[in-house]
Amino acid sequence: MGDTWVHLRLCLSCGHVGCCDSSKNKHATKHFHSSGHPIVRSLEPGENWKWCYIDQVGWE
């Protein structure tokens, strides 16, 4: 799309990679809303956390 992204998130249901909510297009959250896949993890080096969109909770 020609835009820059801030951080990437990996969908643990299907492997879709999308940008975080700090990025302009918020593709990871848009993927959750269109697919219903609730859990992502960070793809940033050194980060191990996961996030559940349904429960709005993160964990390592």
PDB file of N, CA and C in Angstrom:
ATOM      1  N   MET A   1       0.815  -1.200   0.000  1.00  0.00           N
ATOM      2  CA  MET A   1       0.000   0.000   0.000  1.00  0.00           C
ATOM      3  C   MET A   1       0.856   1.261   0.000  1.00  0.00           C
ATOM      4  N   GLY A   2       2.157   1.094   0.206  1.00  0.00           N
ATOM      5  CA  GLY A   2       3.040   2.237   0.184  1.00  0.00           C
ATOM      6  C   GLY A   2       3.195   2.942   1.520  1.00  0.00           C
ATOM      7  N   ASP A   3       2.454   2.490   2.534  1.00  0.00           N
ATOM      8  CA  ASP A   3       2.565   3.097   3.861  1.00  0.00           C
ATOM      9  C   ASP A   3       3.639   2.386   4.664  1.00  0.00           C
ATOM     10  N   THR A   4       4.105   3.029   5.705  1.00  0.00           N
ATOM     11  CA  THR A   4       5.054   2.384   6.605  1.00  0.00           C
ATOM     12  C   THR A   4       4.292   1.777   7.773  1.00  0.00           C
ATOM     13  N   TRP A   5       4.874   0.749   8.372  1.00  0.00           N
ATOM     14  CA  TRP A   5       4.263   0.117   9.527  1.00  0.00           C
ATOM     15  C   TRP A   5       5.169   0.305  10.729  1.00  0.00           C
ATOM     16  N   VAL A   6       4.584   0.194  11.924  1.00  0.00           N
ATOM     17  CA  VAL A   6       5.335   0.391  13.152  1.00  0.00           C
ATOM     18  C   VAL A   6       5.815  -0.948  13.701  1.00  0.00           C
ATOM     19  N   HIS A   7       4.883  -1.872  13.949  1.00  0.00           N
ATOM     20  CA  HIS A   7       5.208  -3.204  14.457  1.00  0.00           C
ATOM     21  C   HIS A   7       4.323  -4.218  13.745  1.00  0.00           C
ATOM     22  N   LEU A   8       4.807  -5.452  13.643  1.00  0.00           N
ATOM     23  CA  LEU A   8       4.028  -6.489  12.976  1.00  0.00           C
ATOM     24  C   LEU A   8       3.483  -7.494  13.984  1.00  0.00           C
ATOM     25  N   ARG A   9       2.290  -8.020  13.664  1.00  0.00           N
ATOM     26  CA  ARG A   9       1.617  -9.013  14.496  1.00  0.00           C
ATOM     27  C   ARG A   9       1.301 -10.237  13.643  1.00  0.00           C
ATOM     28  N   LEU A  10       1.429 -11.435  14.247  1.00  0.00           N
ATOM     29  CA  LEU A  10       1.169 -12.698  13.569  1.00  0.00           C
ATOM     30  C   LEU A  10      -0.094 -13.321  14.121  1.00  0.00           C
ATOM     31  N   CYS A  11      -1.063 -13.620  13.271  1.00  0.00           N
ATOM     32  CA  CYS A  11      -2.283 -14.316  13.675  1.00  0.00           C
ATOM     33  C   CYS A  11      -1.926 -15.768  13.969  1.00  0.00           C
ATOM     34  N   LEU A  12      -2.249 -16.250  15.157  1.00  0.00           N
ATOM     35  CA  LEU A  12      -1.914 -17.622  15.523  1.00  0.00           C
ATOM     36  C   LEU A  12      -2.915 -18.636  14.994  1.00  0.00           C
ATOM     37  N   SER A  13      -3.994 -18.187  14.367  1.00  0.00           N
ATOM     38  CA  SER A  13      -4.953 -19.102  13.749  1.00  0.00           C
ATOM     39  C   SER A  13      -4.555 -19.468  12.325  1.00  0.00           C
ATOM     40  N   CYS A  14      -4.079 -18.470  11.558  1.00  0.00           N
ATOM     41  CA  CYS A  14      -3.847 -18.717  10.129  1.00  0.00           C
ATOM     42  C   CYS A  14      -2.501 -18.232   9.604  1.00  0.00           C
ATOM     43  N   GLY A  15      -1.747 -17.501  10.421  1.00  0.00           N
ATOM     44  CA  GLY A  15      -0.445 -17.025   9.968  1.00  0.00           C
ATOM     45  C   GLY A  15      -0.446 -15.684   9.264  1.00  0.00           C
ATOM     46  N   HIS A  16      -1.598 -15.029   9.185  1.00  0.00           N
ATOM     47  CA  HIS A  16      -1.669 -13.694   8.569  1.00  0.00           C
ATOM     48  C   HIS A  16      -0.773 -12.734   9.341  1.00  0.00           C
ATOM     49  N   VAL A  17      -0.022 -11.911   8.631  1.00  0.00           N
ATOM     50  CA  VAL A  17       0.821 -10.894   9.257  1.00  0.00           C
ATOM     51  C   VAL A  17       0.217  -9.530   8.962  1.00  0.00           C
ATOM     52  N   GLY A  18      -0.005  -8.761  10.026  1.00  0.00           N
ATOM     53  CA  GLY A  18      -0.576  -7.431   9.875  1.00  0.00           C
ATOM     54  C   GLY A  18       0.119  -6.441  10.781  1.00  0.00           C
ATOM     55  N   CYS A  19      -0.023  -5.171  10.452  1.00  0.00           N
ATOM     56  CA  CYS A  19       0.602  -4.119  11.259  1.00  0.00           C
ATOM     57  C   CYS A  19      -0.244  -3.824  12.493  1.00  0.00           C
ATOM     58  N   CYS A  20       0.404  -3.278  13.492  1.00  0.00           N
ATOM     59  CA  CYS A  20      -0.235  -3.004  14.781  1.00  0.00           C
ATOM     60  C   CYS A  20      -1.136  -1.773  14.719  1.00  0.00           C
ATOM     61  N   ASP A  21      -1.809  -1.490  15.831  1.00  0.00           N
ATOM     62  CA  ASP A  21      -2.720  -0.344  15.886  1.00  0.00           C
ATOM     63  C   ASP A  21      -2.005   0.996  15.930  1.00  0.00           C
ATOM     64  N   SER A  22      -0.702   0.994  16.162  1.00  0.00           N
ATOM     65  CA  SER A  22       0.062   2.242  16.083  1.00  0.00           C
ATOM     66  C   SER A  22       0.387   2.595  14.637  1.00  0.00           C
ATOM     67  N   SER A  23       0.173   1.667  13.729  1.00  0.00           N
ATOM     68  CA  SER A  23       0.378   1.896  12.300  1.00  0.00           C
ATOM     69  C   SER A  23      -0.907   2.468  11.695  1.00  0.00           C
ATOM     70  N   LYS A  24      -0.769   3.152  10.589  1.00  0.00           N
ATOM     71  CA  LYS A  24      -1.899   3.850   9.958  1.00  0.00           C
ATOM     72  C   LYS A  24      -3.072   2.924   9.620  1.00  0.00           C
ATOM     73  N   ASN A  25      -2.793   1.767   9.041  1.00  0.00           N
ATOM     74  CA  ASN A  25      -3.873   0.920   8.532  1.00  0.00           C
ATOM     75  C   ASN A  25      -4.374  -0.151   9.496  1.00  0.00           C
ATOM     76  N   LYS A  26      -3.666  -0.410  10.579  1.00  0.00           N
ATOM     77  CA  LYS A  26      -4.122  -1.335  11.629  1.00  0.00           C
ATOM     78  C   LYS A  26      -4.581  -2.685  11.071  1.00  0.00           C
ATOM     79  N   HIS A  27      -3.787  -3.280  10.186  1.00  0.00           N
ATOM     80  CA  HIS A  27      -4.194  -4.511   9.508  1.00  0.00           C
ATOM     81  C   HIS A  27      -4.416  -5.701  10.429  1.00  0.00           C
ATOM     82  N   ALA A  28      -3.681  -5.806  11.541  1.00  0.00           N
ATOM     83  CA  ALA A  28      -3.881  -6.934  12.448  1.00  0.00           C
ATOM     84  C   ALA A  28      -5.283  -6.891  13.061  1.00  0.00           C
ATOM     85  N   THR A  29      -5.714  -5.730  13.511  1.00  0.00           N
ATOM     86  CA  THR A  29      -7.055  -5.593  14.090  1.00  0.00           C
ATOM     87  C   THR A  29      -8.130  -5.765  13.024  1.00  0.00           C
ATOM     88  N   LYS A  30      -7.896  -5.235  11.840  1.00  0.00           N
ATOM     89  CA  LYS A  30      -8.856  -5.423  10.744  1.00  0.00           C
ATOM     90  C   LYS A  30      -8.999  -6.902  10.405  1.00  0.00           C
ATOM     91  N   HIS A  31      -7.886  -7.649  10.463  1.00  0.00           N
ATOM     92  CA  HIS A  31      -7.940  -9.087  10.205  1.00  0.00           C
ATOM     93  C   HIS A  31      -8.801  -9.777  11.259  1.00  0.00           C
ATOM     94  N   PHE A  32      -8.634  -9.415  12.527  1.00  0.00           N
ATOM     95  CA  PHE A  32      -9.474  -9.998  13.584  1.00  0.00           C
ATOM     96  C   PHE A  32     -10.950  -9.734  13.297  1.00  0.00           C
ATOM     97  N   HIS A  33     -11.304  -8.511  12.960  1.00  0.00           N
ATOM     98  CA  HIS A  33     -12.711  -8.175  12.723  1.00  0.00           C
ATOM     99  C   HIS A  33     -13.290  -8.908  11.514  1.00  0.00           C
ATOM    100  N   SER A  34     -12.490  -9.145  10.497  1.00  0.00           N
ATOM    101  CA  SER A  34     -13.009  -9.823   9.306  1.00  0.00           C
ATOM    102  C   SER A  34     -12.977 -11.351   9.425  1.00  0.00           C
ATOM    103  N   SER A  35     -12.042 -11.885  10.208  1.00  0.00           N
ATOM    104  CA  SER A  35     -11.878 -13.341  10.274  1.00  0.00           C
ATOM    105  C   SER A  35     -12.400 -13.952  11.564  1.00  0.00           C
ATOM    106  N   GLY A  36     -12.411 -13.162  12.648  1.00  0.00           N
ATOM    107  CA  GLY A  36     -12.779 -13.705  13.950  1.00  0.00           C
ATOM    108  C   GLY A  36     -11.625 -14.407  14.650  1.00  0.00           C
ATOM    109  N   HIS A  37     -10.443 -14.405  14.054  1.00  0.00           N
ATOM    110  CA  HIS A  37      -9.268 -15.035  14.669  1.00  0.00           C
ATOM    111  C   HIS A  37      -8.794 -14.149  15.822  1.00  0.00           C
ATOM    112  N   PRO A  38      -8.880 -14.628  17.066  1.00  0.00           N
ATOM    113  CA  PRO A  38      -8.721 -13.738  18.210  1.00  0.00           C
ATOM    114  C   PRO A  38      -7.307 -13.499  18.733  1.00  0.00           C
ATOM    115  N   ILE A  39      -6.344 -14.372  18.417  1.00  0.00           N
ATOM    116  CA  ILE A  39      -5.051 -14.264  19.098  1.00  0.00           C
ATOM    117  C   ILE A  39      -3.920 -13.975  18.118  1.00  0.00           C
ATOM    118  N   VAL A  40      -3.131 -12.959  18.466  1.00  0.00           N
ATOM    119  CA  VAL A  40      -1.939 -12.600  17.702  1.00  0.00           C
ATOM    120  C   VAL A  40      -0.737 -12.617  18.636  1.00  0.00           C
ATOM    121  N   ARG A  41       0.427 -12.694  18.030  1.00  0.00           N
ATOM    122  CA  ARG A  41       1.651 -12.516  18.799  1.00  0.00           C
ATOM    123  C   ARG A  41       2.524 -11.507  18.081  1.00  0.00           C
ATOM    124  N   SER A  42       3.416 -10.909  18.837  1.00  0.00           N
ATOM    125  CA  SER A  42       4.332  -9.932  18.262  1.00  0.00           C
ATOM    126  C   SER A  42       5.343 -10.638  17.368  1.00  0.00           C
ATOM    127  N   LEU A  43       5.685 -10.008  16.269  1.00  0.00           N
ATOM    128  CA  LEU A  43       6.765 -10.499  15.408  1.00  0.00           C
ATOM    129  C   LEU A  43       8.038  -9.684  15.596  1.00  0.00           C
ATOM    130  N   GLU A  44       8.057  -8.831  16.599  1.00  0.00           N
ATOM    131  CA  GLU A  44       9.229  -7.994  16.852  1.00  0.00           C
ATOM    132  C   GLU A  44      10.325  -8.809  17.530  1.00  0.00           C
ATOM    133  N   PRO A  45      11.574  -8.620  17.115  1.00  0.00           N
ATOM    134  CA  PRO A  45      12.690  -9.348  17.732  1.00  0.00           C
ATOM    135  C   PRO A  45      12.734  -9.115  19.242  1.00  0.00           C
ATOM    136  N   GLY A  46      12.887 -10.203  19.989  1.00  0.00           N
ATOM    137  CA  GLY A  46      12.996 -10.116  21.438  1.00  0.00           C
ATOM    138  C   GLY A  46      11.668 -10.019  22.176  1.00  0.00           C
ATOM    139  N   GLU A  47      10.537  -9.971  21.455  1.00  0.00           N
ATOM    140  CA  GLU A  47       9.228  -9.898  22.105  1.00  0.00           C
ATOM    141  C   GLU A  47       8.542 -11.254  22.003  1.00  0.00           C
ATOM    142  N   ASN A  48       7.974 -11.723  23.126  1.00  0.00           N
ATOM    143  CA  ASN A  48       7.314 -13.030  23.193  1.00  0.00           C
ATOM    144  C   ASN A  48       5.837 -12.960  23.504  1.00  0.00           C
ATOM    145  N   TRP A  49       5.265 -11.785  23.645  1.00  0.00           N
ATOM    146  CA  TRP A  49       3.902 -11.671  24.138  1.00  0.00           C
ATOM    147  C   TRP A  49       2.849 -12.001  23.078  1.00  0.00           C
ATOM    148  N   LYS A  50       1.674 -12.331  23.582  1.00  0.00           N
ATOM    149  CA  LYS A  50       0.502 -12.606  22.750  1.00  0.00           C
ATOM    150  C   LYS A  50      -0.633 -11.689  23.209  1.00  0.00           C
ATOM    151  N   TRP A  51      -1.655 -11.506  22.340  1.00  0.00           N
ATOM    152  CA  TRP A  51      -2.800 -10.654  22.657  1.00  0.00           C
ATOM    153  C   TRP A  51      -4.075 -11.330  22.180  1.00  0.00           C
ATOM    154  N   CYS A  52      -5.102 -11.306  23.031  1.00  0.00           N
ATOM    155  CA  CYS A  52      -6.425 -11.816  22.654  1.00  0.00           C
ATOM    156  C   CYS A  52      -7.354 -10.627  22.458  1.00  0.00           C
ATOM    157  N   TYR A  53      -7.863 -10.465  21.231  1.00  0.00           N
ATOM    158  CA  TYR A  53      -8.758  -9.354  20.931  1.00  0.00           C
ATOM    159  C   TYR A  53     -10.106  -9.492  21.651  1.00  0.00           C
ATOM    160  N   ILE A  54     -10.584 -10.718  21.840  1.00  0.00           N
ATOM    161  CA  ILE A  54     -11.879 -10.922  22.486  1.00  0.00           C
ATOM    162  C   ILE A  54     -11.830 -10.519  23.958  1.00  0.00           C
ATOM    163  N   ASP A  55     -10.841 -11.025  24.678  1.00  0.00           N
ATOM    164  CA  ASP A  55     -10.732 -10.754  26.119  1.00  0.00           C
ATOM    165  C   ASP A  55      -9.977  -9.468  26.417  1.00  0.00           C
ATOM    166  N   GLN A  56      -9.354  -8.866  25.381  1.00  0.00           N
ATOM    167  CA  GLN A  56      -8.566  -7.655  25.554  1.00  0.00           C
ATOM    168  C   GLN A  56      -7.492  -7.830  26.626  1.00  0.00           C
ATOM    169  N   VAL A  57      -6.759  -8.952  26.515  1.00  0.00           N
ATOM    170  CA  VAL A  57      -5.714  -9.260  27.496  1.00  0.00           C
ATOM    171  C   VAL A  57      -4.486  -9.798  26.763  1.00  0.00           C
ATOM    172  N   GLY A  58      -3.330  -9.457  27.296  1.00  0.00           N
ATOM    173  CA  GLY A  58      -2.069  -9.941  26.756  1.00  0.00           C
ATOM    174  C   GLY A  58      -1.337 -10.787  27.781  1.00  0.00           C
ATOM    175  N   TRP A  59      -0.400 -11.625  27.307  1.00  0.00           N
ATOM    176  CA  TRP A  59       0.404 -12.469  28.177  1.00  0.00           C
ATOM    177  C   TRP A  59       1.662 -12.899  27.444  1.00  0.00           C
ATOM    178  N   GLU A  60       2.624 -13.418  28.218  1.00  0.00           N
ATOM    179  CA  GLU A  60       3.849 -13.966  27.611  1.00  0.00           C
ATOM    180  C   GLU A  60       3.823 -15.459  27.641  1.00  0.00           C
TER     181      GLU A  60
END
